[in-house]
Amino acid sequence: MGTWGGAIARMILSVLLLSLAGCGGSKSSSLTLTVTCGDGTEVNGATSIDVPGDLANGRATVNFPDPANPGKTGTIAIQPGRHCKIVPAAGG
């Protein structure tokens, strides 16, 4: 019975590793991110978004490579009680 259990464990591990093989690694240039807060779009076309856990002046912040200013980092301070969504979008 011990051999059978070991074979099942190896099979489950193999399936898990294969399913994770496509995660991360290379960055796709055709995928960008959009941040919307409330009814407005805050960022459109960012290649990555960083949401640090620290507050700045009592507000959560979102950092991103600024799509309008290559080489610069943009920051958004989220007002308390405001909800934001980060969604992927196909880039052009």
PDB file of N, CA and C in Angstrom:
ATOM      1  N   MET A   1       0.824  -1.196   0.000  1.00  0.00           N
ATOM      2  CA  MET A   1       0.000   0.000   0.000  1.00  0.00           C
ATOM      3  C   MET A   1       0.865   1.255   0.000  1.00  0.00           C
ATOM      4  N   GLY A   2       2.042   1.196   0.650  1.00  0.00           N
ATOM      5  CA  GLY A   2       2.934   2.336   0.703  1.00  0.00           C
ATOM      6  C   GLY A   2       3.438   2.733  -0.678  1.00  0.00           C
ATOM      7  N   THR A   3       3.715   1.765  -1.548  1.00  0.00           N
ATOM      8  CA  THR A   3       4.195   2.052  -2.898  1.00  0.00           C
ATOM      9  C   THR A   3       3.101   2.725  -3.709  1.00  0.00           C
ATOM     10  N   TRP A   4       1.881   2.261  -3.566  1.00  0.00           N
ATOM     11  CA  TRP A   4       0.743   2.843  -4.295  1.00  0.00           C
ATOM     12  C   TRP A   4       0.530   4.295  -3.880  1.00  0.00           C
ATOM     13  N   GLY A   5       0.632   4.591  -2.586  1.00  0.00           N
ATOM     14  CA  GLY A   5       0.481   5.955  -2.089  1.00  0.00           C
ATOM     15  C   GLY A   5       1.586   6.862  -2.591  1.00  0.00           C
ATOM     16  N   GLY A   6       2.809   6.335  -2.687  1.00  0.00           N
ATOM     17  CA  GLY A   6       3.935   7.111  -3.198  1.00  0.00           C
ATOM     18  C   GLY A   6       3.755   7.447  -4.673  1.00  0.00           C
ATOM     19  N   ALA A   7       3.203   6.508  -5.437  1.00  0.00           N
ATOM     20  CA  ALA A   7       2.970   6.739  -6.864  1.00  0.00           C
ATOM     21  C   ALA A   7       1.905   7.815  -7.066  1.00  0.00           C
ATOM     22  N   ILE A   8       0.889   7.783  -6.246  1.00  0.00           N
ATOM     23  CA  ILE A   8      -0.166   8.805  -6.346  1.00  0.00           C
ATOM     24  C   ILE A   8       0.395  10.172  -5.975  1.00  0.00           C
ATOM     25  N   ALA A   9       1.206  10.221  -4.937  1.00  0.00           N
ATOM     26  CA  ALA A   9       1.805  11.496  -4.530  1.00  0.00           C
ATOM     27  C   ALA A   9       2.691  12.057  -5.636  1.00  0.00           C
ATOM     28  N   ARG A  10       3.491  11.210  -6.300  1.00  0.00           N
ATOM     29  CA  ARG A  10       4.334  11.664  -7.417  1.00  0.00           C
ATOM     30  C   ARG A  10       3.487  12.142  -8.582  1.00  0.00           C
ATOM     31  N   MET A  11       2.370  11.464  -8.850  1.00  0.00           N
ATOM     32  CA  MET A  11       1.489  11.866  -9.940  1.00  0.00           C
ATOM     33  C   MET A  11       0.863  13.238  -9.642  1.00  0.00           C
ATOM     34  N   ILE A  12       0.409  13.439  -8.423  1.00  0.00           N
ATOM     35  CA  ILE A  12      -0.187  14.725  -8.036  1.00  0.00           C
ATOM     36  C   ILE A  12       0.857  15.832  -8.128  1.00  0.00           C
ATOM     37  N   LEU A  13       2.078  15.579  -7.667  1.00  0.00           N
ATOM     38  CA  LEU A  13       3.146  16.560  -7.747  1.00  0.00           C
ATOM     39  C   LEU A  13       3.469  16.896  -9.203  1.00  0.00           C
ATOM     40  N   SER A  14       3.492  15.881 -10.069  1.00  0.00           N
ATOM     41  CA  SER A  14       3.760  16.127 -11.493  1.00  0.00           C
ATOM     42  C   SER A  14       2.685  17.001 -12.118  1.00  0.00           C
ATOM     43  N   VAL A  15       1.432  16.730 -11.819  1.00  0.00           N
ATOM     44  CA  VAL A  15       0.331  17.532 -12.358  1.00  0.00           C
ATOM     45  C   VAL A  15       0.423  18.960 -11.853  1.00  0.00           C
ATOM     46  N   LEU A  16       0.737  19.135 -10.579  1.00  0.00           N
ATOM     47  CA  LEU A  16       0.876  20.467 -10.002  1.00  0.00           C
ATOM     48  C   LEU A  16       2.012  21.232 -10.669  1.00  0.00           C
ATOM     49  N   LEU A  17       3.167  20.599 -10.834  1.00  0.00           N
ATOM     50  CA  LEU A  17       4.300  21.264 -11.472  1.00  0.00           C
ATOM     51  C   LEU A  17       4.008  21.629 -12.919  1.00  0.00           C
ATOM     52  N   LEU A  18       3.332  20.752 -13.650  1.00  0.00           N
ATOM     53  CA  LEU A  18       2.981  21.058 -15.036  1.00  0.00           C
ATOM     54  C   LEU A  18       1.992  22.210 -15.126  1.00  0.00           C
ATOM     55  N   SER A  19       1.058  22.277 -14.192  1.00  0.00           N
ATOM     56  CA  SER A  19       0.079  23.368 -14.236  1.00  0.00           C
ATOM     57  C   SER A  19       0.717  24.701 -13.883  1.00  0.00           C
ATOM     58  N   LEU A  20       1.778  24.697 -13.071  1.00  0.00           N
ATOM     59  CA  LEU A  20       2.455  25.930 -12.696  1.00  0.00           C
ATOM     60  C   LEU A  20       3.554  26.325 -13.682  1.00  0.00           C
ATOM     61  N   ALA A  21       3.889  25.455 -14.599  1.00  0.00           N
ATOM     62  CA  ALA A  21       4.982  25.723 -15.528  1.00  0.00           C
ATOM     63  C   ALA A  21       4.725  26.952 -16.390  1.00  0.00           C
ATOM     64  N   GLY A  22       3.482  27.254 -16.695  1.00  0.00           N
ATOM     65  CA  GLY A  22       3.158  28.404 -17.534  1.00  0.00           C
ATOM     66  C   GLY A  22       3.049  29.710 -16.775  1.00  0.00           C
ATOM     67  N   CYS A  23       3.181  29.691 -15.460  1.00  0.00           N
ATOM     68  CA  CYS A  23       3.040  30.904 -14.661  1.00  0.00           C
ATOM     69  C   CYS A  23       4.344  31.684 -14.619  1.00  0.00           C
ATOM     70  N   GLY A  24       4.232  33.007 -14.737  1.00  0.00           N
ATOM     71  CA  GLY A  24       5.392  33.875 -14.571  1.00  0.00           C
ATOM     72  C   GLY A  24       6.411  33.701 -15.681  1.00  0.00           C
ATOM     73  N   GLY A  25       7.644  34.048 -15.381  1.00  0.00           N
ATOM     74  CA  GLY A  25       8.722  33.868 -16.334  1.00  0.00           C
ATOM     75  C   GLY A  25       8.826  35.005 -17.314  1.00  0.00           C
ATOM     76  N   SER A  26       8.251  34.846 -18.463  1.00  0.00           N
ATOM     77  CA  SER A  26       8.381  35.867 -19.502  1.00  0.00           C
ATOM     78  C   SER A  26       7.239  36.863 -19.427  1.00  0.00           C
ATOM     79  N   LYS A  27       7.542  38.087 -19.797  1.00  0.00           N
ATOM     80  CA  LYS A  27       6.520  39.126 -19.803  1.00  0.00           C
ATOM     81  C   LYS A  27       5.995  39.290 -21.218  1.00  0.00           C
ATOM     82  N   SER A  28       4.697  39.364 -21.336  1.00  0.00           N
ATOM     83  CA  SER A  28       4.073  39.550 -22.633  1.00  0.00           C
ATOM     84  C   SER A  28       3.946  41.040 -22.916  1.00  0.00           C
ATOM     85  N   SER A  29       4.431  41.462 -24.066  1.00  0.00           N
ATOM     86  CA  SER A  29       4.358  42.879 -24.400  1.00  0.00           C
ATOM     87  C   SER A  29       2.956  43.288 -24.827  1.00  0.00           C
ATOM     88  N   SER A  30       2.082  42.312 -25.104  1.00  0.00           N
ATOM     89  CA  SER A  30       0.742  42.657 -25.558  1.00  0.00           C
ATOM     90  C   SER A  30      -0.260  42.751 -24.413  1.00  0.00           C
ATOM     91  N   LEU A  31       0.154  42.473 -23.192  1.00  0.00           N
ATOM     92  CA  LEU A  31      -0.751  42.539 -22.049  1.00  0.00           C
ATOM     93  C   LEU A  31      -0.390  43.742 -21.189  1.00  0.00           C
ATOM     94  N   THR A  32      -1.362  44.584 -20.927  1.00  0.00           N
ATOM     95  CA  THR A  32      -1.160  45.734 -20.049  1.00  0.00           C
ATOM     96  C   THR A  32      -2.195  45.687 -18.944  1.00  0.00           C
ATOM     97  N   LEU A  33      -2.070  46.594 -17.992  1.00  0.00           N
ATOM     98  CA  LEU A  33      -2.977  46.648 -16.850  1.00  0.00           C
ATOM     99  C   LEU A  33      -3.654  48.000 -16.779  1.00  0.00           C
ATOM    100  N   THR A  34      -4.895  47.976 -16.336  1.00  0.00           N
ATOM    101  CA  THR A  34      -5.670  49.192 -16.134  1.00  0.00           C
ATOM    102  C   THR A  34      -6.120  49.234 -14.686  1.00  0.00           C
ATOM    103  N   VAL A  35      -6.000  50.402 -14.066  1.00  0.00           N
ATOM    104  CA  VAL A  35      -6.466  50.594 -12.694  1.00  0.00           C
ATOM    105  C   VAL A  35      -7.648  51.547 -12.743  1.00  0.00           C
ATOM    106  N   THR A  36      -8.781  51.100 -12.217  1.00  0.00           N
ATOM    107  CA  THR A  36      -9.959  51.962 -12.110  1.00  0.00           C
ATOM    108  C   THR A  36     -10.322  52.100 -10.640  1.00  0.00           C
ATOM    109  N   CYS A  37     -10.598  53.322 -10.234  1.00  0.00           N
ATOM    110  CA  CYS A  37     -11.023  53.614  -8.865  1.00  0.00           C
ATOM    111  C   CYS A  37     -12.346  54.357  -8.953  1.00  0.00           C
ATOM    112  N   GLY A  38     -13.369  53.807  -8.320  1.00  0.00           N
ATOM    113  CA  GLY A  38     -14.693  54.420  -8.431  1.00  0.00           C
ATOM    114  C   GLY A  38     -15.168  54.327  -9.870  1.00  0.00           C
ATOM    115  N   ASP A  39     -15.554  55.433 -10.440  1.00  0.00           N
ATOM    116  CA  ASP A  39     -16.051  55.447 -11.816  1.00  0.00           C
ATOM    117  C   ASP A  39     -15.001  55.860 -12.837  1.00  0.00           C
ATOM    118  N   GLY A  40     -13.790  56.189 -12.389  1.00  0.00           N
ATOM    119  CA  GLY A  40     -12.783  56.701 -13.318  1.00  0.00           C
ATOM    120  C   GLY A  40     -11.586  55.795 -13.475  1.00  0.00           C
ATOM    121  N   THR A  41     -10.935  55.893 -14.628  1.00  0.00           N
ATOM    122  CA  THR A  41      -9.709  55.158 -14.883  1.00  0.00           C
ATOM    123  C   THR A  41      -8.534  55.994 -14.388  1.00  0.00           C
ATOM    124  N   GLU A  42      -7.728  55.407 -13.536  1.00  0.00           N
ATOM    125  CA  GLU A  42      -6.571  56.095 -12.972  1.00  0.00           C
ATOM    126  C   GLU A  42      -5.321  55.849 -13.809  1.00  0.00           C
ATOM    127  N   VAL A  43      -5.153  54.610 -14.273  1.00  0.00           N
ATOM    128  CA  VAL A  43      -3.987  54.229 -15.070  1.00  0.00           C
ATOM    129  C   VAL A  43      -4.469  53.330 -16.195  1.00  0.00           C
ATOM    130  N   ASN A  44      -3.951  53.562 -17.390  1.00  0.00           N
ATOM    131  CA  ASN A  44      -4.279  52.717 -18.526  1.00  0.00           C
ATOM    132  C   ASN A  44      -2.982  52.413 -19.269  1.00  0.00           C
ATOM    133  N   GLY A  45      -2.677  51.142 -19.463  1.00  0.00           N
ATOM    134  CA  GLY A  45      -1.510  50.752 -20.231  1.00  0.00           C
ATOM    135  C   GLY A  45      -0.258  50.469 -19.434  1.00  0.00           C
ATOM    136  N   ALA A  46      -0.358  50.279 -18.133  1.00  0.00           N
ATOM    137  CA  ALA A  46       0.820  49.964 -17.319  1.00  0.00           C
ATOM    138  C   ALA A  46       1.248  48.520 -17.578  1.00  0.00           C
ATOM    139  N   THR A  47       2.553  48.280 -17.578  1.00  0.00           N
ATOM    140  CA  THR A  47       3.056  46.927 -17.794  1.00  0.00           C
ATOM    141  C   THR A  47       3.137  46.132 -16.498  1.00  0.00           C
ATOM    142  N   SER A  48       3.122  46.815 -15.352  1.00  0.00           N
ATOM    143  CA  SER A  48       3.101  46.143 -14.056  1.00  0.00           C
ATOM    144  C   SER A  48       2.528  47.108 -13.027  1.00  0.00           C
ATOM    145  N   ILE A  49       2.057  46.553 -11.933  1.00  0.00           N
ATOM    146  CA  ILE A  49       1.485  47.341 -10.841  1.00  0.00           C
ATOM    147  C   ILE A  49       2.068  46.802  -9.541  1.00  0.00           C
ATOM    148  N   ASP A  50       2.498  47.692  -8.654  1.00  0.00           N
ATOM    149  CA  ASP A  50       3.010  47.311  -7.339  1.00  0.00           C
ATOM    150  C   ASP A  50       2.096  47.927  -6.293  1.00  0.00           C
ATOM    151  N   VAL A  51       1.561  47.085  -5.406  1.00  0.00           N
ATOM    152  CA  VAL A  51       0.694  47.572  -4.337  1.00  0.00           C
ATOM    153  C   VAL A  51       1.381  47.250  -3.010  1.00  0.00           C
ATOM    154  N   PRO A  52       2.220  48.187  -2.533  1.00  0.00           N
ATOM    155  CA  PRO A  52       2.899  47.929  -1.257  1.00  0.00           C
ATOM    156  C   PRO A  52       1.903  47.954  -0.106  1.00  0.00           C
ATOM    157  N   GLY A  53       2.221  47.268   0.951  1.00  0.00           N
ATOM    158  CA  GLY A  53       1.321  47.217   2.099  1.00  0.00           C
ATOM    159  C   GLY A  53       1.403  48.436   2.990  1.00  0.00           C
ATOM    160  N   ASP A  54       2.384  49.302   2.760  1.00  0.00           N
ATOM    161  CA  ASP A  54       2.572  50.474   3.611  1.00  0.00           C
ATOM    162  C   ASP A  54       1.647  51.607   3.203  1.00  0.00           C
ATOM    163  N   LEU A  55       1.245  52.399   4.179  1.00  0.00           N
ATOM    164  CA  LEU A  55       0.429  53.573   3.907  1.00  0.00           C
ATOM    165  C   LEU A  55       1.328  54.793   3.755  1.00  0.00           C
ATOM    166  N   ALA A  56       0.936  55.707   2.875  1.00  0.00           N
ATOM    167  CA  ALA A  56       1.638  56.982   2.709  1.00  0.00           C
ATOM    168  C   ALA A  56       0.654  58.079   3.081  1.00  0.00           C
ATOM    169  N   ASN A  57       0.936  58.796   4.150  1.00  0.00           N
ATOM    170  CA  ASN A  57       0.023  59.828   4.654  1.00  0.00           C
ATOM    171  C   ASN A  57      -1.364  59.260   4.940  1.00  0.00           C
ATOM    172  N   GLY A  58      -1.405  58.035   5.466  1.00  0.00           N
ATOM    173  CA  GLY A  58      -2.674  57.405   5.818  1.00  0.00           C
ATOM    174  C   GLY A  58      -3.439  56.826   4.635  1.00  0.00           C
ATOM    175  N   ARG A  59      -2.831  56.784   3.471  1.00  0.00           N
ATOM    176  CA  ARG A  59      -3.505  56.265   2.277  1.00  0.00           C
ATOM    177  C   ARG A  59      -2.711  55.128   1.655  1.00  0.00           C
ATOM    178  N   ALA A  60      -3.429  54.168   1.111  1.00  0.00           N
ATOM    179  CA  ALA A  60      -2.774  53.100   0.360  1.00  0.00           C
ATOM    180  C   ALA A  60      -2.254  53.681  -0.950  1.00  0.00           C
ATOM    181  N   THR A  61      -1.163  53.128  -1.454  1.00  0.00           N
ATOM    182  CA  THR A  61      -0.597  53.627  -2.705  1.00  0.00           C
ATOM    183  C   THR A  61      -0.478  52.502  -3.724  1.00  0.00           C
ATOM    184  N   VAL A  62      -0.450  52.888  -4.984  1.00  0.00           N
ATOM    185  CA  VAL A  62      -0.235  51.982  -6.107  1.00  0.00           C
ATOM    186  C   VAL A  62       0.904  52.585  -6.921  1.00  0.00           C
ATOM    187  N   ASN A  63       1.947  51.806  -7.164  1.00  0.00           N
ATOM    188  CA  ASN A  63       3.086  52.260  -7.961  1.00  0.00           C
ATOM    189  C   ASN A  63       3.097  51.509  -9.287  1.00  0.00           C
ATOM    190  N   PHE A  64       3.541  52.167 -10.345  1.00  0.00           N
ATOM    191  CA  PHE A  64       3.541  51.555 -11.673  1.00  0.00           C
ATOM    192  C   PHE A  64       4.559  52.251 -12.563  1.00  0.00           C
ATOM    193  N   PRO A  65       5.121  51.525 -13.556  1.00  0.00           N
ATOM    194  CA  PRO A  65       5.944  52.196 -14.554  1.00  0.00           C
ATOM    195  C   PRO A  65       5.025  53.093 -15.384  1.00  0.00           C
ATOM    196  N   ASP A  66       5.274  54.372 -15.397  1.00  0.00           N
ATOM    197  CA  ASP A  66       4.385  55.334 -16.052  1.00  0.00           C
ATOM    198  C   ASP A  66       4.380  55.126 -17.566  1.00  0.00           C
ATOM    199  N   PRO A  67       3.240  54.718 -18.152  1.00  0.00           N
ATOM    200  CA  PRO A  67       3.190  54.487 -19.590  1.00  0.00           C
ATOM    201  C   PRO A  67       3.395  55.775 -20.402  1.00  0.00           C
ATOM    202  N   ALA A  68       3.089  56.919 -19.828  1.00  0.00           N
ATOM    203  CA  ALA A  68       3.235  58.189 -20.542  1.00  0.00           C
ATOM    204  C   ALA A  68       4.648  58.755 -20.440  1.00  0.00           C
ATOM    205  N   ASN A  69       5.420  58.315 -19.455  1.00  0.00           N
ATOM    206  CA  ASN A  69       6.779  58.809 -19.226  1.00  0.00           C
ATOM    207  C   ASN A  69       7.721  57.627 -19.015  1.00  0.00           C
ATOM    208  N   PRO A  70       8.213  57.014 -20.095  1.00  0.00           N
ATOM    209  CA  PRO A  70       9.091  55.845 -19.953  1.00  0.00           C
ATOM    210  C   PRO A  70      10.276  56.138 -19.030  1.00  0.00           C
ATOM    211  N   GLY A  71      10.590  55.169 -18.175  1.00  0.00           N
ATOM    212  CA  GLY A  71      11.686  55.323 -17.232  1.00  0.00           C
ATOM    213  C   GLY A  71      11.280  55.957 -15.916  1.00  0.00           C
ATOM    214  N   LYS A  72      10.056  56.437 -15.820  1.00  0.00           N
ATOM    215  CA  LYS A  72       9.556  57.073 -14.591  1.00  0.00           C
ATOM    216  C   LYS A  72       8.565  56.140 -13.900  1.00  0.00           C
ATOM    217  N   THR A  73       8.447  56.311 -12.594  1.00  0.00           N
ATOM    218  CA  THR A  73       7.480  55.545 -11.817  1.00  0.00           C
ATOM    219  C   THR A  73       6.352  56.471 -11.390  1.00  0.00           C
ATOM    220  N   GLY A  74       5.128  56.051 -11.655  1.00  0.00           N
ATOM    221  CA  GLY A  74       3.959  56.811 -11.225  1.00  0.00           C
ATOM    222  C   GLY A  74       3.412  56.243  -9.929  1.00  0.00           C
ATOM    223  N   THR A  75       2.732  57.051  -9.164  1.00  0.00           N
ATOM    224  CA  THR A  75       2.129  56.626  -7.905  1.00  0.00           C
ATOM    225  C   THR A  75       0.729  57.206  -7.793  1.00  0.00           C
ATOM    226  N   ILE A  76      -0.188  56.391  -7.332  1.00  0.00           N
ATOM    227  CA  ILE A  76      -1.556  56.840  -7.058  1.00  0.00           C
ATOM    228  C   ILE A  76      -1.795  56.645  -5.569  1.00  0.00           C
ATOM    229  N   ALA A  77      -2.276  57.658  -4.884  1.00  0.00           N
ATOM    230  CA  ALA A  77      -2.696  57.540  -3.487  1.00  0.00           C
ATOM    231  C   ALA A  77      -4.203  57.311  -3.482  1.00  0.00           C
ATOM    232  N   ILE A  78      -4.627  56.224  -2.888  1.00  0.00           N
ATOM    233  CA  ILE A  78      -6.047  55.847  -2.866  1.00  0.00           C
ATOM    234  C   ILE A  78      -6.695  56.472  -1.635  1.00  0.00           C
ATOM    235  N   GLN A  79      -7.766  57.205  -1.855  1.00  0.00           N
ATOM    236  CA  GLN A  79      -8.480  57.829  -0.745  1.00  0.00           C
ATOM    237  C   GLN A  79      -9.152  56.757   0.109  1.00  0.00           C
ATOM    238  N   PRO A  80      -9.204  56.969   1.419  1.00  0.00           N
ATOM    239  CA  PRO A  80      -9.868  56.001   2.308  1.00  0.00           C
ATOM    240  C   PRO A  80     -11.310  55.756   1.864  1.00  0.00           C
ATOM    241  N   GLY A  81     -11.713  54.507   1.896  1.00  0.00           N
ATOM    242  CA  GLY A  81     -13.075  54.142   1.521  1.00  0.00           C
ATOM    243  C   GLY A  81     -13.288  53.978   0.027  1.00  0.00           C
ATOM    244  N   ARG A  82     -12.297  54.278  -0.772  1.00  0.00           N
ATOM    245  CA  ARG A  82     -12.424  54.144  -2.225  1.00  0.00           C
ATOM    246  C   ARG A  82     -11.913  52.772  -2.655  1.00  0.00           C
ATOM    247  N   HIS A  83     -12.628  52.126  -3.544  1.00  0.00           N
ATOM    248  CA  HIS A  83     -12.262  50.802  -4.013  1.00  0.00           C
ATOM    249  C   HIS A  83     -11.684  50.892  -5.415  1.00  0.00           C
ATOM    250  N   CYS A  84     -10.599  50.173  -5.640  1.00  0.00           N
ATOM    251  CA  CYS A  84      -9.952  50.165  -6.951  1.00  0.00           C
ATOM    252  C   CYS A  84      -9.867  48.737  -7.472  1.00  0.00           C
ATOM    253  N   LYS A  85      -9.870  48.612  -8.787  1.00  0.00           N
ATOM    254  CA  LYS A  85      -9.709  47.326  -9.456  1.00  0.00           C
ATOM    255  C   LYS A  85      -8.533  47.408 -10.402  1.00  0.00           C
ATOM    256  N   ILE A  86      -7.754  46.343 -10.455  1.00  0.00           N
ATOM    257  CA  ILE A  86      -6.679  46.197 -11.415  1.00  0.00           C
ATOM    258  C   ILE A  86      -7.078  45.089 -12.360  1.00  0.00           C
ATOM    259  N   VAL A  87      -7.206  45.417 -13.646  1.00  0.00           N
ATOM    260  CA  VAL A  87      -7.645  44.422 -14.625  1.00  0.00           C
ATOM    261  C   VAL A  87      -6.683  44.383 -15.807  1.00  0.00           C
ATOM    262  N   PRO A  88      -6.455  43.171 -16.340  1.00  0.00           N
ATOM    263  CA  PRO A  88      -5.612  43.062 -17.520  1.00  0.00           C
ATOM    264  C   PRO A  88      -6.371  43.524 -18.757  1.00  0.00           C
ATOM    265  N   ALA A  89      -5.639  44.041 -19.712  1.00  0.00           N
ATOM    266  CA  ALA A  89      -6.230  44.473 -20.984  1.00  0.00           C
ATOM    267  C   ALA A  89      -5.256  44.131 -22.097  1.00  0.00           C
ATOM    268  N   ALA A  90      -5.771  43.751 -23.238  1.00  0.00           N
ATOM    269  CA  ALA A  90      -4.912  43.470 -24.380  1.00  0.00           C
ATOM    270  C   ALA A  90      -4.334  44.773 -24.882  1.00  0.00           C
ATOM    271  N   GLY A  91      -3.025  44.837 -24.973  1.00  0.00           N
ATOM    272  CA  GLY A  91      -2.356  46.038 -25.455  1.00  0.00           C
ATOM    273  C   GLY A  91      -2.273  46.032 -26.959  1.00  0.00           C
ATOM    274  N   GLY A  92      -1.808  47.131 -27.493  1.00  0.00           N
ATOM    275  CA  GLY A  92      -1.737  47.221 -28.937  1.00  0.00           C
ATOM    276  C   GLY A  92      -0.356  47.296 -29.330  1.00  0.00           C
TER     277      GLY A  92
END
